Amino acid sequence: MRALVSLANGIDAVSRAIGMTVRWLAVLLVLLQFAVVVLRYAFGSSFIGMQEGVIYVHAMLFMLAIGYALLIDAHVRVDFFYGRWSERGKAWMDLVGVLVTILPFCWLLVWSSWGYVAVSFRMGEGPMQYGGLPFQPYLKSLILVMAGLLAIQGLSVLIRALAVITGTSDVLFPSRRTVGEA
């Protein structure tokens, strides 16, 4: 079990590094959107590439930070009961949650979007609009990356839940820290 917990620690470290890196995309997103608004309303001008850039940056931020959001427990969950449970009860719920929702969702996402992404690359799909950014196949491939990052972080949650259930660990998420504590 120690080897699996070490694997979970490694997965958490990768998710944390990705999260710490892509958080700067939020700053870029705000600045880019601000520039689009200023150009439009102050100067009566716009650039399609900048407008599409907002979509690209937002998509990258959301899809690349999904594993980190699961790591720091920033995902949506109704904690009415969960918050009052023991670590062992939480571990069972997280184990079931990963097996029943996260991993099947990731598999379904890869299965349903693989062809969508492949066709985009095969036909050399161009920008969304004339004058836009010509990176649509790469944007679409982030769907597969997102599924992978979420599945890998789900595996870490599963390992930690098993460690608590088997008594190997007392704490479900010993390495979770918020953004400011990293």
N, C-alpha and C. Protein backbone atom coordinates (compact mmCIF):
# COMPACT_ATOMS: atom_id res chain seq x y z
N MET A 1 0.83 -1.19 0.00
CA MET A 1 0.00 0.00 0.00
C MET A 1 0.87 1.26 0.00
N ARG A 2 2.07 1.15 0.57
CA ARG A 2 2.97 2.31 0.59
C ARG A 2 3.33 2.77 -0.81
N ALA A 3 3.56 1.79 -1.70
CA ALA A 3 3.89 2.14 -3.08
C ALA A 3 2.73 2.87 -3.75
N LEU A 4 1.51 2.44 -3.46
CA LEU A 4 0.34 3.11 -4.03
C LEU A 4 0.18 4.52 -3.48
N VAL A 5 0.43 4.68 -2.18
CA VAL A 5 0.35 6.02 -1.57
C VAL A 5 1.44 6.92 -2.15
N SER A 6 2.61 6.35 -2.41
CA SER A 6 3.67 7.12 -3.07
C SER A 6 3.25 7.54 -4.47
N LEU A 7 2.56 6.63 -5.17
CA LEU A 7 2.03 6.97 -6.49
C LEU A 7 1.02 8.11 -6.38
N ALA A 8 0.14 8.03 -5.38
CA ALA A 8 -0.85 9.09 -5.16
C ALA A 8 -0.15 10.42 -4.85
N ASN A 9 0.93 10.37 -4.07
CA ASN A 9 1.69 11.59 -3.78
C ASN A 9 2.27 12.19 -5.06
N GLY A 10 2.77 11.33 -5.94
CA GLY A 10 3.31 11.80 -7.21
C GLY A 10 2.24 12.42 -8.09
N ILE A 11 1.08 11.76 -8.16
CA ILE A 11 -0.04 12.29 -8.94
C ILE A 11 -0.45 13.65 -8.38
N ASP A 12 -0.54 13.74 -7.05
CA ASP A 12 -0.91 15.01 -6.43
C ASP A 12 0.10 16.11 -6.74
N ALA A 13 1.37 15.75 -6.76
CA ALA A 13 2.42 16.74 -7.06
C ALA A 13 2.28 17.25 -8.49
N VAL A 14 1.98 16.35 -9.42
CA VAL A 14 1.80 16.77 -10.81
C VAL A 14 0.56 17.66 -10.93
N SER A 15 -0.54 17.25 -10.31
CA SER A 15 -1.77 18.05 -10.36
C SER A 15 -1.55 19.43 -9.74
N ARG A 16 -0.81 19.46 -8.64
CA ARG A 16 -0.53 20.74 -7.98
C ARG A 16 0.33 21.63 -8.89
N ALA A 17 1.34 21.05 -9.52
CA ALA A 17 2.21 21.83 -10.42
C ALA A 17 1.41 22.39 -11.60
N ILE A 18 0.55 21.56 -12.16
CA ILE A 18 -0.29 22.03 -13.27
C ILE A 18 -1.20 23.15 -12.79
N GLY A 19 -1.83 22.96 -11.63
CA GLY A 19 -2.72 23.98 -11.09
C GLY A 19 -2.02 25.29 -10.80
N MET A 20 -0.82 25.21 -10.26
CA MET A 20 -0.05 26.42 -9.95
C MET A 20 0.38 27.15 -11.24
N THR A 21 0.55 26.39 -12.30
CA THR A 21 0.94 26.99 -13.58
C THR A 21 -0.25 27.60 -14.30
N VAL A 22 -1.33 26.84 -14.42
CA VAL A 22 -2.46 27.33 -15.21
C VAL A 22 -3.28 28.40 -14.49
N ARG A 23 -3.06 28.60 -13.22
CA ARG A 23 -3.81 29.67 -12.54
C ARG A 23 -3.49 31.03 -13.14
N TRP A 24 -2.31 31.15 -13.75
CA TRP A 24 -1.94 32.41 -14.38
C TRP A 24 -2.76 32.67 -15.63
N LEU A 25 -3.38 31.64 -16.15
CA LEU A 25 -4.28 31.83 -17.29
C LEU A 25 -5.49 32.68 -16.89
N ALA A 26 -5.87 32.65 -15.61
CA ALA A 26 -6.97 33.48 -15.14
C ALA A 26 -6.62 34.96 -15.28
N VAL A 27 -5.39 35.30 -14.96
CA VAL A 27 -4.93 36.69 -15.10
C VAL A 27 -4.93 37.06 -16.58
N LEU A 28 -4.39 36.18 -17.41
CA LEU A 28 -4.37 36.43 -18.85
C LEU A 28 -5.78 36.58 -19.40
N LEU A 29 -6.70 35.75 -18.92
CA LEU A 29 -8.09 35.81 -19.35
C LEU A 29 -8.71 37.17 -19.05
N VAL A 30 -8.50 37.66 -17.84
CA VAL A 30 -9.05 38.96 -17.45
C VAL A 30 -8.44 40.08 -18.30
N LEU A 31 -7.13 40.04 -18.47
CA LEU A 31 -6.46 41.08 -19.26
C LEU A 31 -6.90 41.06 -20.72
N LEU A 32 -7.02 39.88 -21.27
CA LEU A 32 -7.44 39.75 -22.66
C LEU A 32 -8.88 40.23 -22.84
N GLN A 33 -9.75 39.84 -21.94
CA GLN A 33 -11.15 40.27 -22.04
C GLN A 33 -11.25 41.79 -21.85
N PHE A 34 -10.46 42.32 -20.93
CA PHE A 34 -10.43 43.77 -20.71
C PHE A 34 -9.99 44.49 -21.99
N ALA A 35 -8.96 43.98 -22.64
CA ALA A 35 -8.48 44.59 -23.88
C ALA A 35 -9.55 44.54 -24.98
N VAL A 36 -10.26 43.42 -25.08
CA VAL A 36 -11.32 43.30 -26.07
C VAL A 36 -12.41 44.34 -25.82
N VAL A 37 -12.80 44.51 -24.57
CA VAL A 37 -13.86 45.46 -24.22
C VAL A 37 -13.40 46.90 -24.47
N VAL A 38 -12.18 47.22 -24.08
CA VAL A 38 -11.67 48.58 -24.29
C VAL A 38 -11.58 48.88 -25.79
N LEU A 39 -11.06 47.94 -26.56
CA LEU A 39 -10.97 48.16 -28.00
C LEU A 39 -12.35 48.37 -28.63
N ARG A 40 -13.31 47.57 -28.17
CA ARG A 40 -14.65 47.65 -28.75
C ARG A 40 -15.35 48.95 -28.39
N TYR A 41 -15.38 49.29 -27.10
CA TYR A 41 -16.19 50.42 -26.66
C TYR A 41 -15.46 51.75 -26.64
N ALA A 42 -14.17 51.74 -26.46
CA ALA A 42 -13.42 53.01 -26.44
C ALA A 42 -12.93 53.41 -27.83
N PHE A 43 -12.60 52.40 -28.65
CA PHE A 43 -12.01 52.72 -29.95
C PHE A 43 -12.86 52.23 -31.12
N GLY A 44 -13.97 51.55 -30.85
CA GLY A 44 -14.84 51.08 -31.91
C GLY A 44 -14.18 50.06 -32.83
N SER A 45 -13.27 49.30 -32.29
CA SER A 45 -12.53 48.33 -33.09
C SER A 45 -12.53 46.98 -32.38
N SER A 46 -12.24 45.95 -33.14
CA SER A 46 -12.10 44.63 -32.51
C SER A 46 -11.23 43.75 -33.38
N PHE A 47 -10.68 42.74 -32.77
CA PHE A 47 -9.87 41.75 -33.46
C PHE A 47 -10.45 40.38 -33.15
N ILE A 48 -10.83 39.68 -34.19
CA ILE A 48 -11.43 38.36 -34.02
C ILE A 48 -10.48 37.43 -33.26
N GLY A 49 -9.20 37.51 -33.57
CA GLY A 49 -8.21 36.66 -32.90
C GLY A 49 -8.19 36.87 -31.40
N MET A 50 -8.35 38.12 -30.97
CA MET A 50 -8.38 38.39 -29.53
C MET A 50 -9.65 37.84 -28.90
N GLN A 51 -10.76 37.99 -29.61
CA GLN A 51 -12.02 37.47 -29.08
C GLN A 51 -11.98 35.95 -28.96
N GLU A 52 -11.43 35.30 -29.98
CA GLU A 52 -11.28 33.85 -29.89
C GLU A 52 -10.25 33.47 -28.84
N GLY A 53 -9.26 34.33 -28.64
CA GLY A 53 -8.26 34.09 -27.60
C GLY A 53 -8.89 33.95 -26.23
N VAL A 54 -9.94 34.73 -25.97
CA VAL A 54 -10.66 34.63 -24.70
C VAL A 54 -11.25 33.23 -24.55
N ILE A 55 -11.82 32.70 -25.63
CA ILE A 55 -12.40 31.36 -25.59
C ILE A 55 -11.31 30.32 -25.34
N TYR A 56 -10.20 30.45 -26.05
CA TYR A 56 -9.10 29.50 -25.91
C TYR A 56 -8.52 29.51 -24.49
N VAL A 57 -8.27 30.69 -23.97
CA VAL A 57 -7.68 30.78 -22.63
C VAL A 57 -8.65 30.25 -21.58
N HIS A 58 -9.92 30.58 -21.71
CA HIS A 58 -10.92 30.08 -20.77
C HIS A 58 -10.99 28.56 -20.81
N ALA A 59 -10.99 27.99 -22.03
CA ALA A 59 -11.03 26.53 -22.18
C ALA A 59 -9.79 25.88 -21.57
N MET A 60 -8.63 26.47 -21.83
CA MET A 60 -7.40 25.90 -21.26
C MET A 60 -7.43 25.96 -19.74
N LEU A 61 -7.85 27.08 -19.19
CA LEU A 61 -7.92 27.22 -17.73
C LEU A 61 -8.84 26.17 -17.13
N PHE A 62 -10.02 26.05 -17.67
CA PHE A 62 -11.00 25.11 -17.13
C PHE A 62 -10.55 23.67 -17.28
N MET A 63 -10.10 23.31 -18.48
CA MET A 63 -9.81 21.90 -18.74
C MET A 63 -8.50 21.43 -18.13
N LEU A 64 -7.52 22.30 -18.03
CA LEU A 64 -6.24 21.87 -17.47
C LEU A 64 -6.22 21.91 -15.94
N ALA A 65 -7.13 22.68 -15.34
CA ALA A 65 -7.15 22.79 -13.88
C ALA A 65 -8.11 21.81 -13.22
N ILE A 66 -8.75 20.94 -13.98
CA ILE A 66 -9.77 20.07 -13.41
C ILE A 66 -9.20 19.08 -12.39
N GLY A 67 -8.03 18.53 -12.66
CA GLY A 67 -7.40 17.61 -11.70
C GLY A 67 -7.02 18.34 -10.42
N TYR A 68 -6.52 19.56 -10.56
CA TYR A 68 -6.16 20.36 -9.39
C TYR A 68 -7.40 20.69 -8.55
N ALA A 69 -8.51 20.99 -9.23
CA ALA A 69 -9.75 21.28 -8.50
C ALA A 69 -10.18 20.08 -7.66
N LEU A 70 -10.03 18.88 -8.20
CA LEU A 70 -10.36 17.67 -7.43
C LEU A 70 -9.37 17.49 -6.29
N LEU A 71 -8.11 17.77 -6.53
CA LEU A 71 -7.09 17.64 -5.50
C LEU A 71 -7.39 18.51 -4.28
N ILE A 72 -7.75 19.77 -4.52
CA ILE A 72 -7.98 20.69 -3.39
C ILE A 72 -9.43 20.70 -2.93
N ASP A 73 -10.22 19.76 -3.44
CA ASP A 73 -11.61 19.60 -3.03
C ASP A 73 -12.45 20.82 -3.39
N ALA A 74 -12.16 21.42 -4.55
CA ALA A 74 -12.88 22.61 -5.00
C ALA A 74 -14.01 22.26 -5.96
N HIS A 75 -14.28 20.98 -6.12
CA HIS A 75 -15.36 20.55 -7.00
C HIS A 75 -16.70 20.66 -6.27
N VAL A 76 -17.77 20.53 -7.00
CA VAL A 76 -19.10 20.64 -6.43
C VAL A 76 -19.47 19.34 -5.73
N ARG A 77 -19.86 19.48 -4.47
CA ARG A 77 -20.33 18.32 -3.72
C ARG A 77 -21.27 18.85 -2.64
N VAL A 78 -22.31 18.12 -2.36
CA VAL A 78 -23.22 18.50 -1.29
C VAL A 78 -22.67 17.92 0.00
N ASP A 79 -22.17 18.79 0.86
CA ASP A 79 -21.50 18.35 2.09
C ASP A 79 -22.44 18.26 3.29
N PHE A 80 -23.73 18.21 3.05
CA PHE A 80 -24.67 18.18 4.17
C PHE A 80 -24.41 16.98 5.07
N PHE A 81 -24.22 15.82 4.50
CA PHE A 81 -23.91 14.62 5.27
C PHE A 81 -22.41 14.38 5.33
N TYR A 82 -21.76 14.49 4.20
CA TYR A 82 -20.35 14.17 4.04
C TYR A 82 -19.47 14.90 5.07
N GLY A 83 -19.75 16.15 5.30
CA GLY A 83 -18.95 16.96 6.22
C GLY A 83 -18.98 16.46 7.66
N ARG A 84 -20.00 15.72 8.02
CA ARG A 84 -20.15 15.22 9.39
C ARG A 84 -19.62 13.80 9.58
N TRP A 85 -19.26 13.16 8.48
CA TRP A 85 -18.83 11.77 8.55
C TRP A 85 -17.39 11.66 9.03
N SER A 86 -17.05 10.47 9.51
CA SER A 86 -15.67 10.18 9.90
C SER A 86 -14.80 10.08 8.65
N GLU A 87 -13.50 10.04 8.84
CA GLU A 87 -12.59 9.90 7.69
C GLU A 87 -12.88 8.60 6.94
N ARG A 88 -13.18 7.56 7.67
CA ARG A 88 -13.48 6.26 7.04
C ARG A 88 -14.76 6.35 6.22
N GLY A 89 -15.78 7.00 6.74
CA GLY A 89 -17.03 7.18 5.99
C GLY A 89 -16.81 8.02 4.75
N LYS A 90 -16.02 9.08 4.88
CA LYS A 90 -15.69 9.92 3.72
C LYS A 90 -14.90 9.11 2.69
N ALA A 91 -14.02 8.26 3.18
CA ALA A 91 -13.21 7.44 2.28
C ALA A 91 -14.10 6.50 1.46
N TRP A 92 -15.08 5.87 2.12
CA TRP A 92 -16.00 5.00 1.40
C TRP A 92 -16.78 5.78 0.34
N MET A 93 -17.24 6.97 0.71
CA MET A 93 -18.00 7.80 -0.23
C MET A 93 -17.12 8.22 -1.41
N ASP A 94 -15.88 8.61 -1.14
CA ASP A 94 -14.98 9.01 -2.22
C ASP A 94 -14.63 7.82 -3.11
N LEU A 95 -14.45 6.65 -2.51
CA LEU A 95 -14.16 5.44 -3.28
C LEU A 95 -15.31 5.15 -4.24
N VAL A 96 -16.52 5.14 -3.73
CA VAL A 96 -17.69 4.89 -4.56
C VAL A 96 -17.85 6.00 -5.60
N GLY A 97 -17.62 7.24 -5.19
CA GLY A 97 -17.74 8.37 -6.11
C GLY A 97 -16.79 8.27 -7.29
N VAL A 98 -15.56 7.88 -7.02
CA VAL A 98 -14.57 7.73 -8.09
C VAL A 98 -14.96 6.59 -9.02
N LEU A 99 -15.35 5.45 -8.43
CA LEU A 99 -15.68 4.27 -9.25
C LEU A 99 -16.98 4.42 -10.03
N VAL A 100 -17.95 5.13 -9.46
CA VAL A 100 -19.26 5.22 -10.08
C VAL A 100 -19.42 6.45 -10.96
N THR A 101 -18.74 7.54 -10.62
CA THR A 101 -18.95 8.76 -11.39
C THR A 101 -17.70 9.23 -12.15
N ILE A 102 -16.60 9.43 -11.47
CA ILE A 102 -15.44 10.05 -12.11
C ILE A 102 -14.85 9.18 -13.22
N LEU A 103 -14.48 7.95 -12.92
CA LEU A 103 -13.85 7.11 -13.93
C LEU A 103 -14.78 6.78 -15.10
N PRO A 104 -16.06 6.43 -14.85
CA PRO A 104 -16.96 6.23 -16.00
C PRO A 104 -17.16 7.50 -16.83
N PHE A 105 -17.23 8.65 -16.16
CA PHE A 105 -17.37 9.91 -16.90
C PHE A 105 -16.16 10.15 -17.78
N CYS A 106 -14.97 9.93 -17.26
CA CYS A 106 -13.74 10.12 -18.05
C CYS A 106 -13.71 9.17 -19.23
N TRP A 107 -14.07 7.92 -19.01
CA TRP A 107 -14.11 6.95 -20.11
C TRP A 107 -15.12 7.39 -21.16
N LEU A 108 -16.31 7.80 -20.74
CA LEU A 108 -17.35 8.25 -21.67
C LEU A 108 -16.89 9.47 -22.45
N LEU A 109 -16.22 10.38 -21.78
CA LEU A 109 -15.72 11.59 -22.43
C LEU A 109 -14.69 11.26 -23.50
N VAL A 110 -13.77 10.38 -23.20
CA VAL A 110 -12.76 9.97 -24.19
C VAL A 110 -13.43 9.22 -25.34
N TRP A 111 -14.30 8.29 -25.00
CA TRP A 111 -14.99 7.49 -26.02
C TRP A 111 -15.81 8.37 -26.97
N SER A 112 -16.53 9.34 -26.42
CA SER A 112 -17.42 10.14 -27.25
C SER A 112 -16.70 11.27 -28.00
N SER A 113 -15.53 11.70 -27.52
CA SER A 113 -14.88 12.83 -28.18
C SER A 113 -13.66 12.44 -29.01
N TRP A 114 -13.23 11.18 -28.94
CA TRP A 114 -12.05 10.76 -29.70
C TRP A 114 -12.23 11.03 -31.19
N GLY A 115 -13.33 10.61 -31.75
CA GLY A 115 -13.58 10.82 -33.17
C GLY A 115 -13.71 12.29 -33.52
N TYR A 116 -14.35 13.04 -32.66
CA TYR A 116 -14.53 14.48 -32.83
C TYR A 116 -13.17 15.18 -32.95
N VAL A 117 -12.26 14.81 -32.09
CA VAL A 117 -10.91 15.39 -32.10
C VAL A 117 -10.14 14.89 -33.33
N ALA A 118 -10.24 13.60 -33.62
CA ALA A 118 -9.52 13.02 -34.75
C ALA A 118 -9.96 13.65 -36.07
N VAL A 119 -11.24 13.85 -36.24
CA VAL A 119 -11.75 14.47 -37.47
C VAL A 119 -11.23 15.90 -37.59
N SER A 120 -11.18 16.60 -36.49
CA SER A 120 -10.68 17.98 -36.51
C SER A 120 -9.24 18.04 -36.99
N PHE A 121 -8.41 17.12 -36.50
CA PHE A 121 -7.01 17.07 -36.96
C PHE A 121 -6.92 16.60 -38.42
N ARG A 122 -7.71 15.58 -38.76
CA ARG A 122 -7.65 15.00 -40.09
C ARG A 122 -8.02 16.03 -41.17
N MET A 123 -9.04 16.84 -40.91
CA MET A 123 -9.45 17.81 -41.92
C MET A 123 -8.72 19.15 -41.79
N GLY A 124 -7.80 19.24 -40.82
CA GLY A 124 -7.03 20.47 -40.66
C GLY A 124 -7.93 21.66 -40.36
N GLU A 125 -8.86 21.45 -39.45
CA GLU A 125 -9.86 22.46 -39.14
C GLU A 125 -9.21 23.80 -38.81
N GLY A 126 -9.73 24.84 -39.40
CA GLY A 126 -9.19 26.18 -39.23
C GLY A 126 -9.88 26.95 -38.13
N PRO A 127 -9.77 28.26 -38.19
CA PRO A 127 -10.34 29.11 -37.14
C PRO A 127 -11.87 29.04 -37.08
N MET A 128 -12.42 29.46 -35.94
CA MET A 128 -13.87 29.48 -35.77
C MET A 128 -14.50 30.52 -36.70
N GLN A 129 -13.80 31.65 -36.87
CA GLN A 129 -14.27 32.73 -37.73
C GLN A 129 -13.11 33.19 -38.60
N TYR A 130 -13.45 33.85 -39.70
CA TYR A 130 -12.42 34.39 -40.57
C TYR A 130 -11.56 35.38 -39.77
N GLY A 131 -10.25 35.19 -39.79
CA GLY A 131 -9.35 36.06 -39.04
C GLY A 131 -9.09 35.58 -37.62
N GLY A 132 -9.63 34.42 -37.30
CA GLY A 132 -9.47 33.89 -35.95
C GLY A 132 -8.22 33.04 -35.80
N LEU A 133 -8.11 32.39 -34.67
CA LEU A 133 -6.95 31.56 -34.36
C LEU A 133 -7.09 30.18 -35.01
N PRO A 134 -6.03 29.70 -35.67
CA PRO A 134 -6.12 28.44 -36.41
C PRO A 134 -5.74 27.21 -35.59
N PHE A 135 -6.18 27.16 -34.33
CA PHE A 135 -5.73 26.08 -33.45
C PHE A 135 -6.88 25.21 -32.95
N GLN A 136 -7.98 25.15 -33.68
CA GLN A 136 -9.14 24.41 -33.20
C GLN A 136 -8.87 22.94 -32.89
N PRO A 137 -8.11 22.22 -33.70
CA PRO A 137 -7.85 20.82 -33.34
C PRO A 137 -7.15 20.69 -31.98
N TYR A 138 -6.26 21.61 -31.67
CA TYR A 138 -5.55 21.56 -30.39
C TYR A 138 -6.48 21.93 -29.24
N LEU A 139 -7.37 22.88 -29.50
CA LEU A 139 -8.36 23.24 -28.49
C LEU A 139 -9.26 22.04 -28.19
N LYS A 140 -9.69 21.36 -29.24
CA LYS A 140 -10.55 20.19 -29.06
C LYS A 140 -9.81 19.05 -28.38
N SER A 141 -8.52 18.93 -28.63
CA SER A 141 -7.76 17.84 -28.00
C SER A 141 -7.64 18.03 -26.49
N LEU A 142 -7.88 19.25 -26.02
CA LEU A 142 -7.88 19.47 -24.57
C LEU A 142 -8.98 18.70 -23.87
N ILE A 143 -10.01 18.31 -24.60
CA ILE A 143 -11.07 17.49 -24.01
C ILE A 143 -10.47 16.16 -23.54
N LEU A 144 -9.63 15.57 -24.38
CA LEU A 144 -9.00 14.30 -24.02
C LEU A 144 -7.99 14.49 -22.89
N VAL A 145 -7.27 15.59 -22.93
CA VAL A 145 -6.31 15.89 -21.86
C VAL A 145 -7.05 16.06 -20.54
N MET A 146 -8.18 16.79 -20.59
CA MET A 146 -8.98 17.00 -19.38
C MET A 146 -9.45 15.68 -18.79
N ALA A 147 -9.94 14.79 -19.64
CA ALA A 147 -10.40 13.48 -19.16
C ALA A 147 -9.25 12.72 -18.51
N GLY A 148 -8.08 12.78 -19.11
CA GLY A 148 -6.91 12.11 -18.55
C GLY A 148 -6.50 12.68 -17.21
N LEU A 149 -6.45 14.01 -17.11
CA LEU A 149 -6.06 14.65 -15.85
C LEU A 149 -7.05 14.33 -14.73
N LEU A 150 -8.33 14.35 -15.07
CA LEU A 150 -9.36 14.04 -14.07
C LEU A 150 -9.28 12.57 -13.64
N ALA A 151 -9.09 11.68 -14.61
CA ALA A 151 -9.00 10.25 -14.28
C ALA A 151 -7.78 9.96 -13.41
N ILE A 152 -6.66 10.56 -13.72
CA ILE A 152 -5.44 10.33 -12.94
C ILE A 152 -5.61 10.86 -11.52
N GLN A 153 -6.19 12.05 -11.38
CA GLN A 153 -6.41 12.57 -10.04
C GLN A 153 -7.47 11.75 -9.31
N GLY A 154 -8.46 11.24 -10.04
CA GLY A 154 -9.43 10.32 -9.45
C GLY A 154 -8.77 9.06 -8.92
N LEU A 155 -7.78 8.57 -9.64
CA LEU A 155 -7.01 7.41 -9.19
C LEU A 155 -6.31 7.71 -7.86
N SER A 156 -5.77 8.91 -7.74
CA SER A 156 -5.12 9.31 -6.48
C SER A 156 -6.14 9.32 -5.33
N VAL A 157 -7.31 9.87 -5.59
CA VAL A 157 -8.37 9.88 -4.56
C VAL A 157 -8.75 8.45 -4.18
N LEU A 158 -8.85 7.58 -5.18
CA LEU A 158 -9.19 6.18 -4.93
C LEU A 158 -8.13 5.51 -4.06
N ILE A 159 -6.86 5.73 -4.36
CA ILE A 159 -5.76 5.13 -3.58
C ILE A 159 -5.82 5.63 -2.14
N ARG A 160 -6.01 6.91 -1.95
CA ARG A 160 -6.06 7.47 -0.59
C ARG A 160 -7.28 6.96 0.18
N ALA A 161 -8.39 6.79 -0.53
CA ALA A 161 -9.59 6.23 0.12
C ALA A 161 -9.33 4.80 0.57
N LEU A 162 -8.69 4.02 -0.28
CA LEU A 162 -8.35 2.64 0.09
C LEU A 162 -7.40 2.61 1.28
N ALA A 163 -6.46 3.56 1.33
CA ALA A 163 -5.51 3.61 2.45
C ALA A 163 -6.23 3.89 3.76
N VAL A 164 -7.22 4.74 3.74
CA VAL A 164 -7.99 5.02 4.97
C VAL A 164 -8.86 3.82 5.33
N ILE A 165 -9.51 3.22 4.35
CA ILE A 165 -10.39 2.08 4.60
C ILE A 165 -9.61 0.90 5.17
N THR A 166 -8.42 0.66 4.67
CA THR A 166 -7.61 -0.47 5.15
C THR A 166 -6.84 -0.15 6.42
N GLY A 167 -6.91 1.10 6.88
CA GLY A 167 -6.21 1.48 8.10
C GLY A 167 -4.76 1.87 7.90
N THR A 168 -4.30 1.95 6.67
CA THR A 168 -2.93 2.34 6.37
C THR A 168 -2.70 3.82 6.64
N SER A 169 -3.75 4.61 6.51
CA SER A 169 -3.66 6.05 6.72
C SER A 169 -4.82 6.50 7.60
N ASP A 170 -4.59 7.54 8.37
CA ASP A 170 -5.65 8.08 9.24
C ASP A 170 -6.39 9.22 8.58
N VAL A 171 -5.74 9.86 7.61
CA VAL A 171 -6.29 11.06 6.99
C VAL A 171 -6.51 10.80 5.51
N LEU A 172 -7.66 11.22 5.02
CA LEU A 172 -8.01 10.98 3.62
C LEU A 172 -7.15 11.80 2.66
N PHE A 173 -6.92 13.06 2.97
CA PHE A 173 -6.13 13.92 2.09
C PHE A 173 -5.07 14.67 2.88
N PRO A 174 -3.98 14.01 3.25
CA PRO A 174 -2.96 14.66 4.08
C PRO A 174 -2.19 15.76 3.36
N SER A 175 -2.14 15.71 2.04
CA SER A 175 -1.33 16.68 1.32
C SER A 175 -2.15 17.81 0.72
N ARG A 176 -3.45 17.85 0.98
CA ARG A 176 -4.27 18.93 0.40
C ARG A 176 -3.96 20.23 1.09
N ARG A 177 -3.70 21.20 0.23
CA ARG A 177 -3.50 22.56 0.70
C ARG A 177 -4.16 23.47 -0.30
N THR A 178 -4.56 24.63 0.15
CA THR A 178 -5.16 25.58 -0.78
C THR A 178 -4.08 26.28 -1.56
N VAL A 179 -4.48 27.08 -2.53
CA VAL A 179 -3.55 27.77 -3.42
C VAL A 179 -2.52 28.58 -2.67
N GLY A 180 -2.92 29.30 -1.64
CA GLY A 180 -2.02 30.16 -0.90
C GLY A 180 -1.01 29.42 -0.06
N GLU A 181 -1.24 28.14 0.24
CA GLU A 181 -0.36 27.39 1.12
C GLU A 181 0.69 26.58 0.37
N ALA A 182 0.62 26.55 -0.94
CA ALA A 182 1.51 25.69 -1.72
C ALA A 182 2.97 26.07 -1.62
